[in-house]
Structure formats: structure tokens, C-alpha cells
Amino acid sequence: MSSQKTSPQETPGKAVLDSSGSLEVRLAVTPAEIEAAQRLRFDIFYREMSAQASPEMEAAGRDFDDYDPICQHLLVVDTAQDKVIATYRLMREDAAERSPKGFYTAGEYDISAMLKARKGQRLLELGRSCVLKAYRTGPTMQLLWRGLLVYLIKHDIELMFGCASLPGTDPKTLALELSYLYHFHLAPEHERVRALPDRYVAMNVMPKEAIDEAEALRALPPLVKGYVRTGAKIGDGAVIDHQFGTTDVFIYFPVASVNPRWISHLKKKTAAGQDG
């Protein structure tokens, strides 16, 4: 992975998106920063969550695949310790066009109708998100989101999407979470993405009236909870990812759904050159 190049879309001086205390959210601009994100992903996915690593990943102590060189990597860095403590992998539609497989999500969901409906718009696929356990707090998540939103504004992104994960591979143990997402946050039918037929797992496990919304929200992983609270919608059907030991759901998030006052504040901040 040492052959990975700095993205031509960003320069080191423009990479910082926001900061809070000793934490800084920025884009990776060197191979070493990308490798730090991959090591963080490995520690969380394969050591903490017991995903199944290939022999090459195990030897390197990094999570990597063919998408990494064509994606951008959003980092949260604790500058006091010079340590990457959170990351997101970002793929825009121009990068997906350079990939023989297209978007990563297409391996789990049929996104063709969505891509057709959004043709000509700027899209961003989110993936490989993780936060170091000691930093899984509200302030860290808020900073990660602020950095992401500044990125969206800079690049005029109109739609974010991707797969988000629930821990475990038994839908029965996730009945409350899956049913809650299905009944309360399902995307409108005309723009709904559906899991591929051979991977489709029904989410409508419990009747709507049996769901305790507050309990369901508490049970959701922080990232998924953050998505739906901010206005994201969910695709139809979950997908079991046996390599990562998770149950995935599709996140569909038009940027227009974000609180307009928040967007306005970030636009002013970006225009004033205060995002670094």
C-alpha cells in the first residue's frame, strides 16, 4: 500500500476540516496517514470485533482492499498524541467510475435505480467507519460529522449513502433494531434501495406497535443512531457480512435533509477560511 498517492483533490494546507481541543478532523494526504487509518480499522474490525482477516492483512496488521487507493480517507487525529482515533472512507462518483466494481455498496445492494435517478448529481459513498473505543463519545462523533459536512459543502455533494453495521450475524437477536429502522426510517418507495436477492434478509421482524422507540434507539450503534437522528433513511433488507461479523443496513442520506441552519453555519465558516 506504500504506492498510494496523495489525492490530487486536496493539498496538505487544505486538508484540515475542523478541530476541537486536541482533536482535528482532516483528510489523509500521505501514504503514512492512510496506513494509520488502515491499522485503526484492523485493530477495531479484526481484533475488537473479530472479523476474519486474510493472511496478508494479518501479516501487515492493516485492513486494506482494492478500493483504498481510489478513495479519500477522513481522519480524526488526537494531535496531543499524534494518533489517528477515527476514520471514514469516502468515495465520490468520479472515483467509482474508475473502479471496475463501481461503488463498494453495489456488492450488497442494487443501487442502479438510485444512480439512474441521481444521474448528474454529486454522490458520496461512506464506508469503513470506525472510532477507537476510548474516544467513542458525543464530542468525537460531532467533530467527525462536522468534518464530513464541511467536506460535503466543499464538493457540492447532494447525496451520501453506504452500508452501516449492526454487531452480530443473527437477525433474530437484532429484531428490535432492524424492525425499528424498517418501520420508522424506511426510505420512500420511489427512491428505495433493496438488498440483492441472494443476500436479502427481511427487517420487518416485529410489528410496529410492539416496538419501544426509545429502547430501540438506545440499542442502535452510535453511528447508526446518529444517521437516523440527522434524517437518514434506510434501504429495504439487511445483509449479513460474515467476514466482518455484522448485519449491514443501507443508509440513504440526501444532504438536503440536514438541518439547514447547521449547513448555513458551516458554509459561513468555510467561506471565512476557518475550516483549518
Protein backbone atom coordinates (compact mmCIF):
# COMPACT_ATOMS: atom_id res chain seq x y z
CA MET A 1 0.00 0.00 0.00
CA SER A 2 3.05 2.27 0.08
CA SER A 3 2.38 3.18 -3.55
CA GLN A 4 -0.77 5.11 -2.64
CA LYS A 5 -0.58 8.74 -3.78
CA THR A 6 -1.75 11.96 -2.15
CA SER A 7 -5.18 12.79 -3.57
CA PRO A 8 -4.97 15.40 -6.36
CA GLN A 9 -8.19 16.94 -4.98
CA GLU A 10 -6.63 18.09 -1.71
CA THR A 11 -3.32 19.60 -0.63
CA PRO A 12 -1.80 19.38 2.87
CA GLY A 13 -2.60 23.02 3.62
CA LYS A 14 -6.28 22.47 2.81
CA ALA A 15 -6.71 19.07 4.42
CA VAL A 16 -7.90 20.18 7.87
CA LEU A 17 -11.70 20.43 8.01
CA ASP A 18 -12.41 21.25 11.67
CA SER A 19 -10.98 20.91 15.16
CA SER A 20 -11.99 20.75 18.81
CA GLY A 21 -9.39 20.88 21.57
CA SER A 22 -6.63 18.46 20.71
CA LEU A 23 -8.80 16.67 18.13
CA GLU A 24 -8.53 17.57 14.47
CA VAL A 25 -10.56 16.18 11.57
CA ARG A 26 -8.78 16.17 8.24
CA LEU A 27 -8.18 14.26 5.06
CA ALA A 28 -5.26 11.87 4.79
CA VAL A 29 -2.68 13.31 2.39
CA THR A 30 0.24 10.91 2.76
CA PRO A 31 0.63 7.13 2.46
CA ALA A 32 1.60 7.03 6.15
CA GLU A 33 -1.71 8.64 7.15
CA ILE A 34 -3.68 6.18 5.03
CA GLU A 35 -1.77 3.30 6.60
CA ALA A 36 -2.56 4.69 10.06
CA ALA A 37 -6.26 4.59 9.15
CA GLN A 38 -5.87 1.01 7.91
CA ARG A 39 -4.17 -0.02 11.17
CA LEU A 40 -7.00 1.55 13.16
CA ARG A 41 -9.53 -0.33 11.02
CA PHE A 42 -7.62 -3.57 11.59
CA ASP A 43 -7.49 -3.08 15.36
CA ILE A 44 -11.23 -2.42 15.58
CA PHE A 45 -12.62 -4.76 12.91
CA TYR A 46 -10.33 -7.74 13.37
CA ARG A 47 -9.12 -7.56 16.98
CA GLU A 48 -12.03 -5.94 18.79
CA MET A 49 -14.89 -7.19 16.59
CA SER A 50 -13.30 -10.50 15.47
CA ALA A 51 -13.66 -10.04 11.71
CA GLN A 52 -11.80 -12.59 9.58
CA ALA A 53 -8.56 -11.21 8.18
CA SER A 54 -6.73 -12.54 5.15
CA PRO A 55 -3.17 -13.81 5.75
CA GLU A 56 -1.87 -10.67 4.01
CA MET A 57 -3.85 -8.38 6.31
CA GLU A 58 -2.80 -10.35 9.38
CA ALA A 59 0.86 -10.07 8.44
CA ALA A 60 0.57 -6.33 7.74
CA GLY A 61 -1.69 -5.53 10.71
CA ARG A 62 -3.81 -3.40 8.39
CA ASP A 63 -7.27 -3.63 6.81
CA PHE A 64 -6.98 -2.88 3.09
CA ASP A 65 -8.61 -3.65 -0.25
CA ASP A 66 -8.63 -2.53 -3.88
CA TYR A 67 -10.84 0.46 -3.07
CA ASP A 68 -8.39 2.18 -0.73
CA PRO A 69 -6.11 3.67 -3.43
CA ILE A 70 -9.02 5.36 -5.25
CA CYS A 71 -10.82 6.64 -2.14
CA GLN A 72 -10.17 9.55 0.18
CA HIS A 73 -9.75 8.88 3.89
CA LEU A 74 -11.23 11.16 6.54
CA LEU A 75 -9.30 11.06 9.82
CA VAL A 76 -9.82 12.33 13.33
CA VAL A 77 -6.40 12.83 14.89
CA ASP A 78 -5.58 13.40 18.54
CA THR A 79 -2.78 15.90 17.96
CA ALA A 80 -1.65 15.67 21.59
CA GLN A 81 -0.70 12.04 20.96
CA ASP A 82 -0.21 12.23 17.18
CA LYS A 83 -2.66 9.34 16.84
CA VAL A 84 -5.49 8.58 14.39
CA ILE A 85 -8.52 7.81 16.55
CA ALA A 86 -11.33 7.69 13.96
CA THR A 87 -11.72 7.29 10.22
CA TYR A 88 -14.18 7.23 7.33
CA ARG A 89 -13.53 6.08 3.77
CA LEU A 90 -15.02 8.39 1.14
CA MET A 91 -15.71 7.50 -2.49
CA ARG A 92 -17.14 10.04 -4.89
CA GLU A 93 -18.84 9.05 -8.14
CA ASP A 94 -15.80 10.02 -10.22
CA ALA A 95 -13.70 7.54 -8.22
CA ALA A 96 -16.36 4.83 -8.56
CA GLU A 97 -16.21 5.26 -12.32
CA ARG A 98 -12.50 4.37 -12.17
CA SER A 99 -13.23 1.16 -10.25
CA PRO A 100 -14.07 -1.99 -12.23
CA LYS A 101 -16.57 -2.85 -9.48
CA GLY A 102 -18.12 0.61 -9.14
CA PHE A 103 -19.29 1.56 -5.66
CA TYR A 104 -18.46 -0.85 -2.81
CA THR A 105 -22.13 -0.88 -1.75
CA ALA A 106 -23.13 -2.46 -5.07
CA GLY A 107 -21.80 -5.77 -3.75
CA GLU A 108 -24.66 -5.86 -1.21
CA TYR A 109 -27.44 -3.69 -2.64
CA ASP A 110 -28.99 -2.98 -6.02
CA ILE A 111 -28.24 0.73 -6.33
CA SER A 112 -28.86 1.01 -10.08
CA ALA A 113 -32.21 2.81 -9.76
CA MET A 114 -30.72 5.28 -7.27
CA LEU A 115 -27.78 6.01 -9.57
CA LYS A 116 -30.14 6.50 -12.52
CA ALA A 117 -32.40 8.85 -10.54
CA ARG A 118 -29.38 10.82 -9.32
CA LYS A 119 -27.51 10.92 -12.64
CA GLY A 120 -25.57 14.17 -12.97
CA GLN A 121 -25.55 14.79 -9.22
CA ARG A 122 -22.51 14.58 -6.97
CA LEU A 123 -22.64 11.48 -4.79
CA LEU A 124 -20.53 10.28 -1.89
CA GLU A 125 -20.32 6.73 -0.60
CA LEU A 126 -19.34 6.37 3.07
CA GLY A 127 -17.62 3.25 4.33
CA ARG A 128 -15.09 1.64 6.69
CA SER A 129 -16.10 3.94 9.54
CA CYS A 130 -14.69 3.27 13.00
CA VAL A 131 -13.72 5.09 16.19
CA LEU A 132 -11.19 3.97 18.79
CA LYS A 133 -13.07 2.68 21.84
CA ALA A 134 -11.72 5.26 24.31
CA TYR A 135 -12.93 8.07 22.03
CA ARG A 136 -16.49 6.86 21.37
CA THR A 137 -18.06 9.95 22.86
CA GLY A 138 -20.51 12.59 21.73
CA PRO A 139 -17.85 15.26 21.09
CA THR A 140 -15.77 12.93 18.89
CA MET A 141 -18.80 11.90 16.86
CA GLN A 142 -19.89 15.52 16.48
CA LEU A 143 -16.44 16.52 15.24
CA LEU A 144 -16.40 13.63 12.78
CA TRP A 145 -19.79 14.74 11.46
CA ARG A 146 -18.77 18.39 11.24
CA GLY A 147 -15.71 17.43 9.22
CA LEU A 148 -17.84 15.28 6.94
CA LEU A 149 -20.36 18.07 6.41
CA VAL A 150 -17.61 20.58 5.60
CA TYR A 151 -16.35 18.09 3.00
CA LEU A 152 -19.87 17.83 1.53
CA ILE A 153 -20.11 21.60 1.23
CA LYS A 154 -16.67 21.94 -0.35
CA HIS A 155 -17.52 19.37 -3.03
CA ASP A 156 -21.23 20.19 -3.53
CA ILE A 157 -22.29 16.65 -2.61
CA GLU A 158 -26.04 16.09 -2.95
CA LEU A 159 -26.37 12.52 -1.67
CA MET A 160 -24.48 10.42 0.86
CA PHE A 161 -25.04 6.69 1.05
CA GLY A 162 -23.41 3.48 2.18
CA CYS A 163 -23.69 0.47 4.44
CA ALA A 164 -23.81 0.80 8.22
CA SER A 165 -23.27 -2.16 10.50
CA LEU A 166 -25.02 -3.68 13.48
CA PRO A 167 -22.92 -6.11 15.54
CA GLY A 168 -23.64 -9.81 15.06
CA THR A 169 -24.92 -12.04 12.26
CA ASP A 170 -28.17 -13.35 13.78
CA PRO A 171 -31.12 -11.16 12.69
CA LYS A 172 -33.25 -12.63 15.49
CA THR A 173 -31.05 -11.00 18.14
CA LEU A 174 -31.34 -7.72 16.22
CA ALA A 175 -35.11 -7.92 15.79
CA LEU A 176 -35.79 -4.70 17.71
CA GLU A 177 -33.18 -2.59 15.89
CA LEU A 178 -34.00 -3.91 12.41
CA SER A 179 -37.75 -3.61 12.90
CA TYR A 180 -37.41 -0.08 14.26
CA LEU A 181 -35.36 1.02 11.26
CA TYR A 182 -37.83 -0.62 8.88
CA HIS A 183 -41.00 0.82 10.39
CA PHE A 184 -39.77 4.31 11.28
CA HIS A 185 -36.98 5.17 8.85
CA LEU A 186 -37.58 3.25 5.59
CA ALA A 187 -36.77 5.31 2.51
CA PRO A 188 -39.72 6.40 0.32
CA GLU A 189 -40.68 3.73 -2.19
CA HIS A 190 -39.78 5.75 -5.31
CA GLU A 191 -36.13 6.02 -4.19
CA ARG A 192 -35.76 2.89 -2.08
CA VAL A 193 -32.68 0.71 -2.47
CA ARG A 194 -33.12 -3.03 -1.93
CA ALA A 195 -30.64 -5.70 -0.87
CA LEU A 196 -29.54 -8.05 -3.64
CA PRO A 197 -31.91 -11.04 -3.88
CA ASP A 198 -29.32 -13.63 -2.83
CA ARG A 199 -28.33 -11.54 0.22
CA TYR A 200 -31.69 -10.11 1.27
CA VAL A 201 -32.65 -10.52 4.96
CA ALA A 202 -36.08 -9.24 6.00
CA MET A 203 -36.01 -6.39 8.53
CA ASN A 204 -39.75 -6.45 9.30
CA VAL A 205 -39.34 -8.89 12.18
CA MET A 206 -41.61 -7.23 14.77
CA PRO A 207 -44.93 -5.43 14.25
CA LYS A 208 -44.70 -1.64 14.51
CA GLU A 209 -46.96 -1.45 17.55
CA ALA A 210 -44.67 -3.80 19.50
CA ILE A 211 -41.65 -1.52 19.16
CA ASP A 212 -40.45 0.66 22.03
CA GLU A 213 -38.84 3.52 20.08
CA ALA A 214 -36.71 4.77 22.97
CA GLU A 215 -35.38 1.29 23.68
CA ALA A 216 -34.67 0.70 20.00
CA LEU A 217 -32.71 3.94 19.72
CA ARG A 218 -30.63 3.02 22.77
CA ALA A 219 -29.83 -0.36 21.20
CA LEU A 220 -28.53 1.12 17.94
CA PRO A 221 -24.78 1.61 17.47
CA PRO A 222 -23.83 5.30 17.90
CA LEU A 223 -23.12 5.81 14.20
CA VAL A 224 -26.44 4.37 13.02
CA LYS A 225 -28.25 6.33 15.73
CA GLY A 226 -26.52 9.49 14.52
CA TYR A 227 -27.56 8.81 10.93
CA VAL A 228 -31.27 8.39 11.63
CA ARG A 229 -31.40 11.28 14.10
CA THR A 230 -29.93 13.52 11.41
CA GLY A 231 -32.51 12.48 8.83
CA ALA A 232 -31.08 9.46 7.01
CA LYS A 233 -33.38 6.82 5.55
CA ILE A 234 -32.88 3.06 5.38
CA GLY A 235 -32.99 0.72 2.40
CA ASP A 236 -35.13 -2.41 2.24
CA GLY A 237 -33.41 -5.53 3.51
CA ALA A 238 -30.41 -6.21 5.72
CA VAL A 239 -27.30 -8.10 4.57
CA ILE A 240 -25.20 -10.48 6.64
CA ASP A 241 -21.48 -9.80 6.33
CA HIS A 242 -19.80 -12.94 7.60
CA GLN A 243 -16.26 -11.62 7.10
CA PHE A 244 -16.88 -8.72 9.46
CA GLY A 245 -19.37 -10.49 11.73
CA THR A 246 -22.03 -7.81 11.19
CA THR A 247 -25.51 -7.24 9.84
CA ASP A 248 -25.50 -4.34 7.39
CA VAL A 249 -28.24 -1.85 6.56
CA PHE A 250 -28.29 0.64 3.70
CA ILE A 251 -28.08 4.32 4.63
CA TYR A 252 -29.62 6.83 2.19
CA PHE A 253 -28.96 10.43 3.11
CA PRO A 254 -29.86 13.37 0.84
CA VAL A 255 -27.81 16.35 2.01
CA ALA A 256 -30.98 18.46 1.77
CA SER A 257 -32.21 16.52 4.82
CA VAL A 258 -29.52 18.01 7.05
CA ASN A 259 -30.64 20.86 9.30
CA PRO A 260 -30.33 23.96 7.05
CA ARG A 261 -29.13 26.15 9.94
CA TRP A 262 -26.23 23.76 10.54
CA ILE A 263 -25.35 23.80 6.83
CA SER A 264 -25.57 27.61 6.75
CA HIS A 265 -23.22 27.88 9.75
CA LEU A 266 -20.67 25.55 8.16
CA LYS A 267 -20.86 27.37 4.81
CA LYS A 268 -20.06 30.66 6.53
CA LYS A 269 -17.21 29.04 8.42
CA THR A 270 -15.80 27.51 5.24
CA ALA A 271 -16.15 30.76 3.28
CA ALA A 272 -14.32 32.64 6.04
CA GLY A 273 -11.40 30.22 5.75
CA GLN A 274 -11.87 28.96 9.31
CA ASP A 275 -12.07 25.28 8.44
CA GLY A 276 -8.37 24.68 9.12
